[in-house]
């Protein structure tokens, strides 16, 4: 495990301000005529939009294609619950699904490889409330098999997890960010990165971090709290945070 970090000393990119276009009176009149014509044409060609399309709940939320293109996964509300559905791409035939418990929803999901999905859960007390991440991760295969929790409080590990990257060399592992929960909060918890085994089901009394060697530490942040970020090859490159004065701090390697 390497931990060489450097304080970021680069400069922010220069913001290019577009040159304003100055119109004279003749050009203003011509531009106004063109805009009115376009608006009139659009009014005549656009059908009426049903009111329920503007104020109703969406039929589905997230949609993602599998790495090999054979399956489509999507999340959709079903009554007062949410469901993750996996479909065959060619026939759009459902092959697997996962119904989320009441007052929970899938905050985000990732294709870990061509056959397995990992997703995070959030807590929502009402449909209009903002979801709060639980820090728990689950996994299932495209055929509905090997459906079980992977990390977080649900497997007796008092920590918060989220997916950092799904492109490590080993297809049976993903790179996750872990933060210890201290006094009911992760606000001041130092983040660490681990490789998580997504095919081994949790069994035991010791928690995910030390149980059955399911986690292998890859890196830890040089900053006391904040986040980590990977590059296009799945390697951890950045650590960043906001300090107590509101200053943004970044270290890279």
Protein backbone atom coordinates (compact mmCIF):
# COMPACT_ATOMS: atom_id res chain seq x y z
CA UNK A 1 0.00 0.00 0.00
CA UNK A 2 1.47 3.34 -1.06
CA UNK A 3 0.73 6.63 0.63
CA UNK A 4 2.88 9.22 -1.13
CA UNK A 5 0.80 12.38 -1.49
CA UNK A 6 1.65 15.87 -2.72
CA UNK A 7 -0.21 19.07 -2.05
CA UNK A 8 -1.88 20.25 -5.22
CA UNK A 9 -0.12 23.37 -6.47
CA UNK A 10 -1.65 23.81 -9.87
CA UNK A 11 -3.66 26.83 -10.97
CA UNK A 12 -7.33 26.77 -11.77
CA UNK A 13 -8.21 26.84 -15.47
CA UNK A 14 -8.80 30.28 -16.92
CA UNK A 15 -12.44 31.04 -17.61
CA UNK A 16 -12.90 32.29 -21.16
CA UNK A 17 -15.52 35.01 -21.37
CA UNK A 18 -17.32 35.07 -24.73
CA UNK A 19 -17.18 38.31 -26.68
CA UNK A 20 -20.61 40.00 -26.65
CA UNK A 21 -22.39 40.52 -29.96
CA UNK A 22 -23.54 44.12 -30.41
CA UNK A 23 -26.63 44.56 -32.56
CA UNK A 24 -27.65 47.79 -34.26
CA UNK A 25 -31.29 48.80 -34.70
CA UNK A 26 -31.64 47.04 -38.07
CA UNK A 27 -30.17 43.81 -36.73
CA UNK A 28 -32.38 43.97 -33.64
CA UNK A 29 -35.52 44.17 -35.79
CA UNK A 30 -34.38 41.26 -37.96
CA UNK A 31 -33.54 39.12 -34.94
CA UNK A 32 -36.92 39.86 -33.37
CA UNK A 33 -38.75 38.82 -36.57
CA UNK A 34 -36.82 35.54 -36.72
CA UNK A 35 -37.54 34.73 -33.06
CA UNK A 36 -41.26 35.50 -33.44
CA UNK A 37 -41.44 33.31 -36.56
CA UNK A 38 -39.74 30.40 -34.81
CA UNK A 39 -42.00 30.77 -31.78
CA UNK A 40 -45.12 30.81 -33.98
CA UNK A 41 -44.03 27.72 -35.89
CA UNK A 42 -43.21 25.86 -32.68
CA UNK A 43 -46.63 26.68 -31.23
CA UNK A 44 -48.35 25.32 -34.30
CA UNK A 45 -46.33 22.11 -34.50
CA UNK A 46 -46.16 21.18 -30.82
CA UNK A 47 -48.96 18.93 -29.49
CA UNK A 48 -50.50 19.58 -26.10
CA UNK A 49 -48.59 18.03 -23.21
CA UNK A 50 -50.78 16.16 -20.69
CA UNK A 51 -50.68 17.74 -17.24
CA UNK A 52 -49.82 14.40 -15.58
CA UNK A 53 -46.59 14.30 -17.61
CA UNK A 54 -45.41 17.43 -15.85
CA UNK A 55 -46.43 16.60 -12.28
CA UNK A 56 -46.53 12.79 -12.10
CA UNK A 57 -43.80 10.50 -10.79
CA UNK A 58 -41.38 9.13 -13.43
CA UNK A 59 -41.99 5.65 -14.83
CA UNK A 60 -38.32 4.82 -14.18
CA UNK A 61 -35.31 6.56 -12.69
CA UNK A 62 -31.86 5.22 -13.64
CA UNK A 63 -31.09 3.15 -16.75
CA UNK A 64 -27.69 1.56 -17.44
CA UNK A 65 -26.43 -0.85 -20.10
CA UNK A 66 -24.26 -3.81 -19.10
CA UNK A 67 -20.60 -3.77 -20.23
CA UNK A 68 -21.24 -6.46 -22.87
CA UNK A 69 -24.48 -4.82 -24.03
CA UNK A 70 -26.62 -7.92 -23.37
CA UNK A 71 -28.68 -6.50 -20.48
CA UNK A 72 -30.33 -3.27 -19.36
CA UNK A 73 -30.82 -2.47 -15.69
CA UNK A 74 -33.24 0.17 -14.45
CA UNK A 75 -34.86 1.38 -11.24
CA UNK A 76 -38.59 2.04 -11.22
CA UNK A 77 -41.15 3.02 -8.56
CA UNK A 78 -43.82 0.39 -7.88
CA UNK A 79 -46.49 1.81 -5.58
CA UNK A 80 -44.75 3.07 -2.44
CA UNK A 81 -41.66 0.91 -3.13
CA UNK A 82 -38.85 0.86 -5.65
CA UNK A 83 -37.60 -2.02 -7.76
CA UNK A 84 -34.40 -2.75 -9.66
CA UNK A 85 -35.24 -4.62 -12.86
CA UNK A 86 -32.83 -6.32 -15.29
CA UNK A 87 -33.95 -6.89 -18.91
CA UNK A 88 -32.51 -8.72 -21.89
CA UNK A 89 -31.48 -6.10 -24.43
CA UNK A 90 -32.77 -7.83 -27.57
CA UNK A 91 -36.20 -8.92 -26.28
CA UNK A 92 -36.62 -6.50 -23.34
CA UNK A 93 -37.62 -9.56 -21.30
CA UNK A 94 -37.22 -9.24 -17.49
CA UNK A 95 -34.71 -11.75 -16.13
CA UNK A 96 -34.22 -10.55 -12.53
CA UNK A 97 -35.40 -7.94 -10.07
CA UNK A 98 -34.88 -6.69 -6.53
CA UNK A 99 -37.63 -5.02 -4.47
CA UNK A 100 -36.31 -2.45 -2.03
CA UNK A 101 -37.69 -2.51 1.55
CA UNK A 102 -40.22 0.13 2.56
CA UNK A 103 -38.86 3.66 3.11
CA UNK A 104 -35.68 2.74 1.25
CA UNK A 105 -34.60 3.33 -2.33
CA UNK A 106 -31.69 2.53 -4.60
CA UNK A 107 -29.57 5.67 -4.59
CA UNK A 108 -27.19 4.48 -7.30
CA UNK A 109 -26.17 1.23 -8.97
CA UNK A 110 -23.12 0.09 -10.93
CA UNK A 111 -22.34 -2.75 -13.31
CA UNK A 112 -19.38 -4.37 -11.54
CA UNK A 113 -18.88 -6.67 -14.53
CA UNK A 114 -21.03 -8.18 -17.29
CA UNK A 115 -23.02 -10.39 -14.88
CA UNK A 116 -23.17 -8.59 -11.51
CA UNK A 117 -24.66 -5.35 -10.22
CA UNK A 118 -23.75 -3.52 -7.02
CA UNK A 119 -26.05 -0.85 -5.60
CA UNK A 120 -26.25 1.51 -2.64
CA UNK A 121 -29.35 2.17 -0.55
CA UNK A 122 -30.79 5.42 0.78
CA UNK A 123 -33.46 6.11 3.37
CA UNK A 124 -36.53 8.18 2.44
CA UNK A 125 -39.35 8.79 4.92
CA UNK A 126 -41.69 10.29 2.30
CA UNK A 127 -41.73 10.40 -1.52
CA UNK A 128 -40.96 14.12 -1.51
CA UNK A 129 -38.20 13.90 1.11
CA UNK A 130 -34.54 14.05 0.11
CA UNK A 131 -32.96 10.57 0.32
CA UNK A 132 -30.23 9.96 2.93
CA UNK A 133 -27.54 7.41 2.12
CA UNK A 134 -27.28 4.49 4.52
CA UNK A 135 -23.74 3.50 3.47
CA UNK A 136 -24.87 -0.06 2.70
CA UNK A 137 -23.98 -1.97 -0.47
CA UNK A 138 -25.83 -4.92 -2.03
CA UNK A 139 -25.14 -7.18 -5.00
CA UNK A 140 -27.02 -9.49 -7.36
CA UNK A 141 -26.40 -11.35 -10.61
CA UNK A 142 -28.32 -10.82 -13.84
CA UNK A 143 -30.11 -14.15 -13.38
CA UNK A 144 -31.29 -13.16 -9.88
CA UNK A 145 -28.81 -15.40 -8.08
CA UNK A 146 -26.27 -14.50 -5.37
CA UNK A 147 -28.49 -11.70 -4.08
CA UNK A 148 -27.14 -10.53 -0.70
CA UNK A 149 -25.76 -7.53 1.22
CA UNK A 150 -22.06 -6.77 0.82
CA UNK A 151 -21.05 -4.00 3.21
CA UNK A 152 -22.24 -1.56 5.83
CA UNK A 153 -24.41 -1.73 8.90
CA UNK A 154 -26.56 -4.46 7.35
CA UNK A 155 -23.60 -6.86 7.75
CA UNK A 156 -22.76 -5.60 11.26
CA UNK A 157 -20.00 -3.27 10.10
CA UNK A 158 -20.48 0.20 11.62
CA UNK A 159 -19.11 2.04 8.62
CA UNK A 160 -20.27 3.96 5.55
CA UNK A 161 -19.45 2.56 2.09
CA UNK A 162 -19.76 3.84 -1.45
CA UNK A 163 -18.33 2.63 -4.76
CA UNK A 164 -15.20 4.41 -5.97
CA UNK A 165 -14.49 2.41 -9.13
CA UNK A 166 -15.52 -0.81 -10.86
CA UNK A 167 -12.38 -1.28 -12.98
CA UNK A 168 -9.75 -2.96 -10.81
CA UNK A 169 -7.85 -5.86 -12.48
CA UNK A 170 -9.87 -8.49 -10.57
CA UNK A 171 -13.43 -8.73 -11.92
CA UNK A 172 -14.61 -10.25 -8.63
CA UNK A 173 -13.69 -7.12 -6.67
CA UNK A 174 -14.54 -3.44 -6.78
CA UNK A 175 -12.87 -0.41 -5.24
CA UNK A 176 -14.91 1.07 -2.40
CA UNK A 177 -14.58 4.06 -0.07
CA UNK A 178 -14.99 3.33 3.64
CA UNK A 179 -15.64 5.77 6.48
CA UNK A 180 -16.03 4.80 10.11
CA UNK A 181 -19.21 5.99 11.80
CA UNK A 182 -18.30 7.93 14.93
CA UNK A 183 -20.97 9.26 17.26
CA UNK A 184 -23.56 8.64 14.56
CA UNK A 185 -21.73 10.71 11.92
CA UNK A 186 -19.09 10.34 9.19
CA UNK A 187 -18.48 14.10 8.82
CA UNK A 188 -15.01 13.91 10.42
CA UNK A 189 -14.04 10.39 9.44
CA UNK A 190 -10.83 9.74 7.49
CA UNK A 191 -11.69 7.94 4.21
CA UNK A 192 -9.88 4.77 3.17
CA UNK A 193 -10.06 2.78 -0.06
CA UNK A 194 -10.50 -0.99 -0.11
CA UNK A 195 -10.94 -3.76 -2.63
CA UNK A 196 -14.24 -5.46 -1.77
CA UNK A 197 -15.02 -9.05 -2.74
CA UNK A 198 -18.48 -8.86 -4.34
CA UNK A 199 -19.03 -12.62 -4.65
CA UNK A 200 -18.47 -13.70 -1.05
CA UNK A 201 -21.55 -13.53 1.16
CA UNK A 202 -21.04 -12.18 4.66
CA UNK A 203 -21.24 -14.81 7.39
CA UNK A 204 -19.95 -14.24 10.89
CA UNK A 205 -19.90 -11.92 13.86
CA UNK A 206 -16.86 -9.76 13.20
CA UNK A 207 -18.00 -7.28 10.56
CA UNK A 208 -16.94 -6.81 6.96
CA UNK A 209 -13.63 -5.06 7.59
CA UNK A 210 -11.93 -7.93 9.42
CA UNK A 211 -14.20 -10.83 8.53
CA UNK A 212 -12.97 -13.50 6.08
CA UNK A 213 -10.47 -11.10 4.47
CA UNK A 214 -13.19 -9.70 2.24
CA UNK A 215 -11.57 -6.27 2.30
CA UNK A 216 -8.02 -5.38 1.30
CA UNK A 217 -6.86 -1.85 2.05
CA UNK A 218 -5.46 -0.05 -0.97
CA UNK A 219 -4.91 3.53 0.24
CA UNK A 220 -5.90 5.96 2.96
CA UNK A 221 -6.43 9.69 2.70
CA UNK A 222 -3.66 11.99 3.94
CA UNK A 223 -6.39 14.41 4.99
CA UNK A 224 -8.38 13.96 8.22
CA UNK A 225 -11.71 13.77 6.34
CA UNK A 226 -13.18 14.33 2.88
CA UNK A 227 -13.22 12.14 -0.22
CA UNK A 228 -10.97 10.20 -2.61
CA UNK A 229 -11.05 10.15 -6.42
CA UNK A 230 -9.72 7.73 -9.04
CA UNK A 231 -8.39 8.26 -12.56
CA UNK A 232 -9.53 6.55 -15.76
CA UNK A 233 -7.58 3.40 -14.89
CA UNK A 234 -9.16 2.99 -11.45
CA UNK A 235 -6.09 4.25 -9.55
CA UNK A 236 -6.57 6.62 -6.64
CA UNK A 237 -5.12 10.00 -7.52
CA UNK A 238 -6.85 12.72 -5.48
CA UNK A 239 -7.82 13.37 -1.88
CA UNK A 240 -9.86 16.50 -1.17
CA UNK A 241 -11.81 18.12 1.64
CA UNK A 242 -13.11 21.38 3.07
CA UNK A 243 -11.34 22.44 6.25
CA UNK A 244 -12.95 24.16 9.23
CA UNK A 245 -12.43 27.58 7.59
CA UNK A 246 -14.20 26.52 4.41
CA UNK A 247 -10.97 26.32 2.38
CA UNK A 248 -10.81 23.63 -0.29
CA UNK A 249 -7.75 21.38 0.11
CA UNK A 250 -6.48 18.90 -2.48
CA UNK A 251 -3.57 16.45 -2.43
CA UNK A 252 -2.60 14.26 -5.39
CA UNK A 253 -0.23 11.41 -6.17
